[in-house]
């Protein structure tokens, strides 16, 4: 068991830090849980090399990731990040997890802000709503 003295020591340090992502994938699930909110930050831009590996890891926590994703969707003003989260993460979560975003998705699909329209969040929201 890896000791979590400072769990931040396990997070990627740069956009190409695939070694750390692979290390996290080998950790016990309970040890990864505190890392989930910080790992979400690594999919702020899916063009970053480390983003794909982090996304694969996040998808292995379909229930645990929901509250952290909800925090980003409701508290962040980074609509580009929200697009990546919806399109690459929420879209691939199991039905039970996707359903927990229904209220947010409905609001964005029906009454998007100007910024959400610009990032096409309303379109991806509609696509996900069609699956739940």
Protein backbone atom coordinates (compact mmCIF):
# COMPACT_ATOMS: atom_id res chain seq x y z
CA UNK A 1 0.00 0.00 0.00
CA UNK A 2 1.31 3.40 -0.99
CA UNK A 3 1.39 5.89 1.88
CA UNK A 4 -0.40 9.11 1.08
CA UNK A 5 1.74 11.56 3.00
CA UNK A 6 0.84 14.28 0.57
CA UNK A 7 -1.50 12.97 -2.09
CA UNK A 8 -0.52 15.88 -4.36
CA UNK A 9 2.85 14.14 -4.74
CA UNK A 10 1.08 11.52 -6.85
CA UNK A 11 -0.60 13.89 -9.29
CA UNK A 12 0.81 14.61 -12.74
CA UNK A 13 3.29 17.49 -12.66
CA UNK A 14 3.02 18.54 -16.30
CA UNK A 15 0.95 17.98 -19.44
CA UNK A 16 3.04 15.00 -20.56
CA UNK A 17 3.44 13.25 -17.19
CA UNK A 18 2.04 9.89 -18.28
CA UNK A 19 4.31 8.09 -15.78
CA UNK A 20 2.38 9.51 -12.84
CA UNK A 21 -0.95 8.60 -14.43
CA UNK A 22 0.24 5.02 -14.88
CA UNK A 23 1.41 4.98 -11.26
CA UNK A 24 -2.02 6.20 -10.09
CA UNK A 25 -3.72 3.48 -12.15
CA UNK A 26 -1.80 0.88 -10.12
CA UNK A 27 -2.79 2.36 -6.75
CA UNK A 28 -5.52 0.99 -4.54
CA UNK A 29 -8.93 2.51 -5.36
CA UNK A 30 -9.27 3.95 -1.86
CA UNK A 31 -5.98 5.79 -2.34
CA UNK A 32 -7.13 7.31 -5.63
CA UNK A 33 -10.40 8.72 -4.25
CA UNK A 34 -8.81 11.85 -2.71
CA UNK A 35 -7.09 12.52 -6.05
CA UNK A 36 -10.28 12.60 -8.14
CA UNK A 37 -11.05 16.35 -7.88
CA UNK A 38 -7.47 17.25 -8.83
CA UNK A 39 -7.39 14.67 -11.62
CA UNK A 40 -10.45 16.30 -13.18
CA UNK A 41 -8.30 19.39 -13.72
CA UNK A 42 -6.11 17.37 -16.08
CA UNK A 43 -8.96 17.06 -18.58
CA UNK A 44 -9.42 20.81 -18.86
CA UNK A 45 -7.94 20.44 -22.32
CA UNK A 46 -8.23 17.07 -24.03
CA UNK A 47 -5.35 18.08 -26.31
CA UNK A 48 -2.93 17.71 -23.41
CA UNK A 49 -1.06 14.39 -23.79
CA UNK A 50 -1.81 13.39 -20.19
CA UNK A 51 -5.57 13.98 -20.61
CA UNK A 52 -6.40 10.64 -22.30
CA UNK A 53 -4.79 8.57 -19.56
CA UNK A 54 -6.46 10.63 -16.85
CA UNK A 55 -9.81 10.26 -18.60
CA UNK A 56 -9.41 6.46 -18.74
CA UNK A 57 -8.69 6.49 -15.01
CA UNK A 58 -11.66 8.74 -14.17
CA UNK A 59 -14.01 6.47 -16.10
CA UNK A 60 -13.13 3.64 -13.70
CA UNK A 61 -14.79 5.66 -10.91
CA UNK A 62 -18.28 6.16 -12.41
CA UNK A 63 -20.09 6.67 -9.12
CA UNK A 64 -17.35 8.41 -7.15
CA UNK A 65 -16.65 11.01 -9.83
CA UNK A 66 -20.25 12.31 -10.01
CA UNK A 67 -20.12 14.83 -7.12
CA UNK A 68 -16.78 16.19 -8.33
CA UNK A 69 -18.09 16.62 -11.87
CA UNK A 70 -21.22 18.29 -10.50
CA UNK A 71 -18.99 20.75 -8.63
CA UNK A 72 -17.19 21.69 -11.84
CA UNK A 73 -20.42 21.99 -13.80
CA UNK A 74 -22.08 24.21 -11.20
CA UNK A 75 -19.15 26.19 -9.78
CA UNK A 76 -16.69 26.67 -12.64
CA UNK A 77 -17.08 29.35 -15.28
CA UNK A 78 -14.77 27.45 -17.66
CA UNK A 79 -17.28 26.35 -20.32
CA UNK A 80 -14.55 24.84 -22.46
CA UNK A 81 -13.64 22.50 -19.57
CA UNK A 82 -17.32 21.70 -19.11
CA UNK A 83 -17.52 20.74 -22.78
CA UNK A 84 -14.62 18.31 -22.40
CA UNK A 85 -16.18 16.87 -19.24
CA UNK A 86 -19.58 16.37 -20.86
CA UNK A 87 -18.29 15.10 -24.20
CA UNK A 88 -15.48 12.86 -22.99
CA UNK A 89 -16.50 11.82 -19.46
CA UNK A 90 -20.21 12.17 -18.69
CA UNK A 91 -21.11 10.88 -22.16
CA UNK A 92 -19.34 7.58 -21.34
CA UNK A 93 -20.50 7.07 -17.78
CA UNK A 94 -23.04 4.33 -17.04
CA UNK A 95 -26.70 5.32 -17.23
CA UNK A 96 -27.09 5.56 -13.44
CA UNK A 97 -24.28 8.10 -13.28
CA UNK A 98 -25.41 10.09 -16.33
CA UNK A 99 -28.91 10.41 -14.86
CA UNK A 100 -27.50 12.35 -11.92
CA UNK A 101 -26.70 15.22 -14.31
CA UNK A 102 -30.22 15.43 -15.75
CA UNK A 103 -31.14 18.70 -14.05
CA UNK A 104 -27.97 20.46 -15.24
CA UNK A 105 -28.20 18.98 -18.74
CA UNK A 106 -31.84 20.01 -19.09
CA UNK A 107 -31.07 23.58 -18.05
CA UNK A 108 -28.16 23.85 -20.50
CA UNK A 109 -30.14 22.23 -23.33
CA UNK A 110 -33.18 24.47 -22.83
CA UNK A 111 -31.72 27.76 -21.60
CA UNK A 112 -27.98 27.97 -22.36
CA UNK A 113 -26.01 31.08 -21.57
CA UNK A 114 -24.22 32.89 -24.38
CA UNK A 115 -20.94 31.28 -23.35
CA UNK A 116 -22.52 27.81 -23.20
CA UNK A 117 -23.90 28.35 -26.71
CA UNK A 118 -20.45 29.40 -27.92
CA UNK A 119 -18.90 26.20 -26.51
CA UNK A 120 -21.85 24.15 -27.87
CA UNK A 121 -22.66 22.83 -24.40
CA UNK A 122 -26.35 22.89 -25.32
CA UNK A 123 -25.71 20.44 -28.18
CA UNK A 124 -23.74 17.93 -26.12
CA UNK A 125 -26.29 18.30 -23.29
CA UNK A 126 -29.09 17.37 -25.73
CA UNK A 127 -27.09 14.37 -26.98
CA UNK A 128 -26.56 13.07 -23.44
CA UNK A 129 -30.20 13.71 -22.49
CA UNK A 130 -31.25 11.55 -25.44
CA UNK A 131 -29.43 8.63 -23.79
CA UNK A 132 -31.15 8.88 -20.39
